[in-house]
N, C-alpha and C. Protein backbone atom coordinates (compact mmCIF):
# COMPACT_ATOMS: atom_id res chain seq x y z
N MET A 1 0.85 -1.18 0.00
CA MET A 1 0.00 0.00 0.00
C MET A 1 0.89 1.24 0.00
N ALA A 2 0.68 2.11 -0.95
CA ALA A 2 1.49 3.32 -1.09
C ALA A 2 1.13 4.33 0.00
N LYS A 3 2.15 5.07 0.43
CA LYS A 3 1.91 6.13 1.42
C LYS A 3 1.21 7.29 0.74
N THR A 4 0.37 7.95 1.51
CA THR A 4 -0.34 9.12 0.99
C THR A 4 -0.53 10.13 2.11
N THR A 5 -0.69 11.38 1.72
CA THR A 5 -1.02 12.43 2.68
C THR A 5 -2.44 12.95 2.45
N ASP A 6 -3.16 12.34 1.50
CA ASP A 6 -4.53 12.75 1.20
C ASP A 6 -5.45 12.29 2.34
N ALA A 7 -6.05 13.24 3.00
CA ALA A 7 -6.87 12.93 4.18
C ALA A 7 -8.04 12.01 3.85
N LEU A 8 -8.68 12.21 2.72
CA LEU A 8 -9.82 11.35 2.37
C LEU A 8 -9.39 9.91 2.11
N THR A 9 -8.24 9.75 1.49
CA THR A 9 -7.72 8.41 1.24
C THR A 9 -7.37 7.72 2.55
N ILE A 10 -6.74 8.46 3.45
CA ILE A 10 -6.37 7.91 4.76
C ILE A 10 -7.63 7.53 5.53
N LEU A 11 -8.62 8.40 5.52
CA LEU A 11 -9.87 8.11 6.22
C LEU A 11 -10.56 6.89 5.63
N GLU A 12 -10.58 6.79 4.33
CA GLU A 12 -11.19 5.64 3.66
C GLU A 12 -10.50 4.34 4.07
N ARG A 13 -9.20 4.37 4.17
CA ARG A 13 -8.45 3.18 4.59
C ARG A 13 -8.77 2.82 6.04
N MET A 14 -8.91 3.82 6.88
CA MET A 14 -9.19 3.57 8.30
C MET A 14 -10.60 2.99 8.50
N ILE A 15 -11.55 3.49 7.73
CA ILE A 15 -12.94 3.07 7.90
C ILE A 15 -13.17 1.68 7.32
N GLY A 16 -12.62 1.45 6.15
CA GLY A 16 -12.80 0.15 5.50
C GLY A 16 -14.27 -0.15 5.28
N ASP A 17 -14.70 -1.34 5.72
CA ASP A 17 -16.09 -1.78 5.52
C ASP A 17 -16.94 -1.59 6.76
N ASP A 18 -16.53 -0.73 7.68
CA ASP A 18 -17.25 -0.52 8.93
C ASP A 18 -18.52 0.30 8.67
N ALA A 19 -19.65 -0.40 8.56
CA ALA A 19 -20.93 0.26 8.23
C ALA A 19 -21.35 1.25 9.31
N ASP A 20 -21.12 0.92 10.57
CA ASP A 20 -21.49 1.83 11.66
C ASP A 20 -20.70 3.13 11.57
N MET A 21 -19.41 3.02 11.28
CA MET A 21 -18.57 4.21 11.17
C MET A 21 -19.01 5.05 9.97
N ARG A 22 -19.35 4.42 8.87
CA ARG A 22 -19.82 5.15 7.69
C ARG A 22 -21.13 5.88 8.00
N GLN A 23 -22.00 5.24 8.75
CA GLN A 23 -23.28 5.86 9.12
C GLN A 23 -23.03 7.06 10.02
N MET A 24 -22.12 6.92 10.99
CA MET A 24 -21.82 8.02 11.90
C MET A 24 -21.24 9.21 11.12
N ILE A 25 -20.34 8.93 10.20
CA ILE A 25 -19.75 10.01 9.39
C ILE A 25 -20.82 10.69 8.54
N ALA A 26 -21.71 9.92 7.97
CA ALA A 26 -22.79 10.50 7.15
C ALA A 26 -23.68 11.40 7.99
N GLU A 27 -24.00 10.98 9.21
CA GLU A 27 -24.85 11.78 10.09
C GLU A 27 -24.15 13.06 10.52
N GLU A 28 -22.88 12.97 10.85
CA GLU A 28 -22.13 14.16 11.27
C GLU A 28 -21.96 15.12 10.09
N THR A 29 -21.77 14.58 8.91
CA THR A 29 -21.66 15.42 7.71
C THR A 29 -22.97 16.16 7.47
N LEU A 30 -24.09 15.47 7.62
CA LEU A 30 -25.39 16.09 7.44
C LEU A 30 -25.60 17.22 8.46
N LYS A 31 -25.23 16.97 9.71
CA LYS A 31 -25.36 18.02 10.73
C LYS A 31 -24.51 19.23 10.37
N ALA A 32 -23.30 18.99 9.89
CA ALA A 32 -22.41 20.10 9.52
C ALA A 32 -22.97 20.88 8.34
N GLN A 33 -23.56 20.19 7.38
CA GLN A 33 -24.15 20.87 6.23
C GLN A 33 -25.33 21.74 6.65
N ILE A 34 -26.15 21.23 7.54
CA ILE A 34 -27.30 22.00 8.03
C ILE A 34 -26.82 23.20 8.82
N ALA A 35 -25.80 23.02 9.65
CA ALA A 35 -25.25 24.12 10.45
C ALA A 35 -24.75 25.23 9.53
N ARG A 36 -24.02 24.85 8.51
CA ARG A 36 -23.49 25.84 7.56
C ARG A 36 -24.62 26.56 6.82
N MET A 37 -25.65 25.81 6.44
CA MET A 37 -26.79 26.39 5.74
C MET A 37 -27.47 27.45 6.61
N ILE A 38 -27.69 27.13 7.87
CA ILE A 38 -28.33 28.07 8.79
C ILE A 38 -27.47 29.32 8.96
N TYR A 39 -26.18 29.10 9.19
CA TYR A 39 -25.26 30.23 9.37
C TYR A 39 -25.25 31.14 8.14
N GLU A 40 -25.11 30.54 6.97
CA GLU A 40 -25.04 31.34 5.74
C GLU A 40 -26.34 32.10 5.48
N ALA A 41 -27.47 31.46 5.72
CA ALA A 41 -28.76 32.13 5.51
C ALA A 41 -28.94 33.26 6.51
N ARG A 42 -28.54 33.02 7.76
CA ARG A 42 -28.68 34.06 8.79
C ARG A 42 -27.81 35.26 8.47
N THR A 43 -26.55 35.01 8.12
CA THR A 43 -25.66 36.14 7.84
C THR A 43 -26.05 36.87 6.55
N ALA A 44 -26.54 36.12 5.56
CA ALA A 44 -27.01 36.76 4.32
C ALA A 44 -28.21 37.66 4.59
N ALA A 45 -29.00 37.29 5.60
CA ALA A 45 -30.16 38.11 5.97
C ALA A 45 -29.75 39.27 6.87
N GLY A 46 -28.48 39.34 7.25
CA GLY A 46 -28.00 40.42 8.10
C GLY A 46 -28.46 40.31 9.54
N LEU A 47 -28.71 39.09 9.99
CA LEU A 47 -29.21 38.88 11.35
C LEU A 47 -28.12 38.36 12.28
N THR A 48 -28.20 38.77 13.52
CA THR A 48 -27.35 38.18 14.55
C THR A 48 -28.04 36.90 15.04
N PRO A 49 -27.31 36.04 15.73
CA PRO A 49 -27.98 34.87 16.31
C PRO A 49 -29.13 35.28 17.24
N GLN A 50 -28.95 36.38 17.96
CA GLN A 50 -30.00 36.85 18.87
C GLN A 50 -31.24 37.28 18.10
N ALA A 51 -31.04 38.00 16.99
CA ALA A 51 -32.19 38.46 16.20
C ALA A 51 -32.93 37.29 15.57
N LEU A 52 -32.19 36.29 15.10
CA LEU A 52 -32.84 35.10 14.54
C LEU A 52 -33.61 34.36 15.61
N ALA A 53 -33.03 34.27 16.79
CA ALA A 53 -33.71 33.59 17.90
C ALA A 53 -35.04 34.27 18.22
N VAL A 54 -35.06 35.59 18.21
CA VAL A 54 -36.30 36.33 18.47
C VAL A 54 -37.33 36.00 17.40
N ARG A 55 -36.91 35.99 16.13
CA ARG A 55 -37.84 35.68 15.04
C ARG A 55 -38.38 34.26 15.13
N VAL A 56 -37.53 33.34 15.57
CA VAL A 56 -37.93 31.93 15.66
C VAL A 56 -38.73 31.66 16.93
N GLY A 57 -38.52 32.50 17.94
CA GLY A 57 -39.18 32.28 19.22
C GLY A 57 -38.42 31.28 20.08
N THR A 58 -37.10 31.37 20.05
CA THR A 58 -36.27 30.48 20.84
C THR A 58 -35.14 31.28 21.48
N LYS A 59 -34.22 30.60 22.12
CA LYS A 59 -33.09 31.26 22.78
C LYS A 59 -31.90 31.33 21.82
N PRO A 60 -31.07 32.37 21.96
CA PRO A 60 -29.87 32.45 21.13
C PRO A 60 -28.96 31.22 21.27
N SER A 61 -28.97 30.59 22.43
CA SER A 61 -28.12 29.40 22.63
C SER A 61 -28.57 28.25 21.73
N VAL A 62 -29.86 28.18 21.42
CA VAL A 62 -30.36 27.14 20.51
C VAL A 62 -29.82 27.38 19.11
N ILE A 63 -29.84 28.64 18.67
CA ILE A 63 -29.30 28.99 17.36
C ILE A 63 -27.80 28.68 17.32
N ALA A 64 -27.10 29.04 18.38
CA ALA A 64 -25.66 28.78 18.44
C ALA A 64 -25.35 27.29 18.35
N ARG A 65 -26.13 26.48 19.05
CA ARG A 65 -25.91 25.02 18.99
C ARG A 65 -26.16 24.49 17.59
N LEU A 66 -27.21 24.98 16.94
CA LEU A 66 -27.50 24.54 15.57
C LEU A 66 -26.36 24.92 14.62
N GLU A 67 -25.84 26.13 14.78
CA GLU A 67 -24.76 26.58 13.91
C GLU A 67 -23.43 25.91 14.23
N ASP A 68 -23.33 25.32 15.40
CA ASP A 68 -22.13 24.56 15.77
C ASP A 68 -22.29 23.07 15.46
N ALA A 69 -23.38 22.72 14.78
CA ALA A 69 -23.69 21.32 14.44
C ALA A 69 -23.82 20.48 15.70
N ASP A 70 -24.20 21.12 16.80
CA ASP A 70 -24.36 20.42 18.08
C ASP A 70 -25.84 20.16 18.32
N VAL A 71 -26.39 19.30 17.51
CA VAL A 71 -27.81 18.99 17.63
C VAL A 71 -28.00 17.51 17.37
N ASP A 72 -28.82 16.88 18.15
CA ASP A 72 -29.18 15.49 17.91
C ASP A 72 -30.64 15.45 17.50
N SER A 73 -30.87 14.89 16.35
CA SER A 73 -32.23 14.81 15.86
C SER A 73 -32.47 13.41 15.32
N ASP A 74 -33.13 12.60 16.12
CA ASP A 74 -33.41 11.23 15.69
C ASP A 74 -34.22 11.20 14.40
N ALA A 75 -35.16 12.10 14.25
CA ALA A 75 -35.99 12.12 13.04
C ALA A 75 -35.15 12.43 11.81
N LEU A 76 -34.23 13.37 11.93
CA LEU A 76 -33.37 13.73 10.82
C LEU A 76 -32.50 12.54 10.41
N PHE A 77 -31.94 11.87 11.38
CA PHE A 77 -31.09 10.72 11.08
C PHE A 77 -31.91 9.57 10.52
N LEU A 78 -33.14 9.43 10.99
CA LEU A 78 -34.02 8.39 10.44
C LEU A 78 -34.31 8.69 8.97
N LEU A 79 -34.58 9.94 8.64
CA LEU A 79 -34.80 10.32 7.24
C LEU A 79 -33.56 10.01 6.40
N HIS A 80 -32.39 10.28 6.95
CA HIS A 80 -31.14 9.98 6.24
C HIS A 80 -31.01 8.48 5.99
N ARG A 81 -31.32 7.68 6.99
CA ARG A 81 -31.22 6.22 6.85
C ARG A 81 -32.26 5.69 5.87
N ILE A 82 -33.47 6.26 5.90
CA ILE A 82 -34.51 5.85 4.95
C ILE A 82 -34.07 6.16 3.53
N ALA A 83 -33.55 7.37 3.32
CA ALA A 83 -33.08 7.75 1.99
C ALA A 83 -32.00 6.79 1.51
N ALA A 84 -31.04 6.49 2.38
CA ALA A 84 -29.95 5.58 2.01
C ALA A 84 -30.48 4.19 1.68
N ALA A 85 -31.43 3.72 2.47
CA ALA A 85 -32.00 2.39 2.24
C ALA A 85 -32.74 2.32 0.91
N LEU A 86 -33.24 3.46 0.45
CA LEU A 86 -33.96 3.52 -0.81
C LEU A 86 -33.04 3.88 -1.99
N GLY A 87 -31.74 3.99 -1.69
CA GLY A 87 -30.80 4.35 -2.75
C GLY A 87 -30.83 5.82 -3.10
N HIS A 88 -31.21 6.65 -2.15
CA HIS A 88 -31.29 8.10 -2.36
C HIS A 88 -30.38 8.82 -1.37
N VAL A 89 -30.21 10.10 -1.58
CA VAL A 89 -29.55 10.95 -0.60
C VAL A 89 -30.59 11.94 -0.08
N LEU A 90 -30.44 12.33 1.16
CA LEU A 90 -31.33 13.31 1.76
C LEU A 90 -30.83 14.70 1.36
N ASP A 91 -31.68 15.49 0.75
CA ASP A 91 -31.33 16.83 0.27
C ASP A 91 -32.17 17.84 1.02
N ILE A 92 -31.54 18.52 1.96
CA ILE A 92 -32.23 19.55 2.75
C ILE A 92 -31.68 20.89 2.32
N ARG A 93 -32.58 21.79 1.90
CA ARG A 93 -32.17 23.10 1.42
C ARG A 93 -33.02 24.19 2.03
N LEU A 94 -32.44 25.36 2.15
CA LEU A 94 -33.18 26.56 2.50
C LEU A 94 -33.40 27.32 1.20
N VAL A 95 -34.66 27.48 0.80
CA VAL A 95 -35.00 28.13 -0.46
C VAL A 95 -35.79 29.39 -0.14
N PRO A 96 -35.39 30.53 -0.72
CA PRO A 96 -36.11 31.77 -0.44
C PRO A 96 -37.59 31.66 -0.82
N THR A 97 -38.43 32.32 -0.05
CA THR A 97 -39.85 32.36 -0.39
C THR A 97 -40.02 33.17 -1.67
N SER A 98 -41.17 33.06 -2.29
CA SER A 98 -41.39 33.76 -3.56
C SER A 98 -41.25 35.28 -3.40
N GLU A 99 -41.65 35.83 -2.24
CA GLU A 99 -41.52 37.28 -2.02
C GLU A 99 -40.05 37.69 -2.01
N GLN A 100 -39.20 36.88 -1.39
CA GLN A 100 -37.77 37.21 -1.33
C GLN A 100 -37.14 37.10 -2.71
N ARG A 101 -37.57 36.15 -3.53
CA ARG A 101 -37.02 36.00 -4.87
C ARG A 101 -37.38 37.19 -5.75
N GLN A 102 -38.62 37.70 -5.59
CA GLN A 102 -39.07 38.81 -6.42
C GLN A 102 -38.36 40.11 -6.07
N SER A 103 -37.99 40.29 -4.78
CA SER A 103 -37.35 41.53 -4.37
C SER A 103 -35.85 41.51 -4.63
N ALA A 104 -35.29 40.35 -4.95
CA ALA A 104 -33.85 40.25 -5.17
C ALA A 104 -33.45 40.74 -6.55
């Protein structure tokens, strides 16, 4: 086996056929993608975490945890597993409402 410094190749070698590890990585990746989506949408809207929390009706700490990918959601992971079992990927997106698209 040739030496490499490519992180993805190294990770692939470490994981091998470990289905549980692959599932855990997929779930953590999904959480990170959602966290980034929330952060980018919030900052694009010019909102602070506190202002978004007020609009949502929650605490700023909840927004901070979401943006740090520090959230456990059994339903979200179940959707991910269902999609995988059906040969699909779970695609979660934030899409502007029609009013926001027209004013842009």
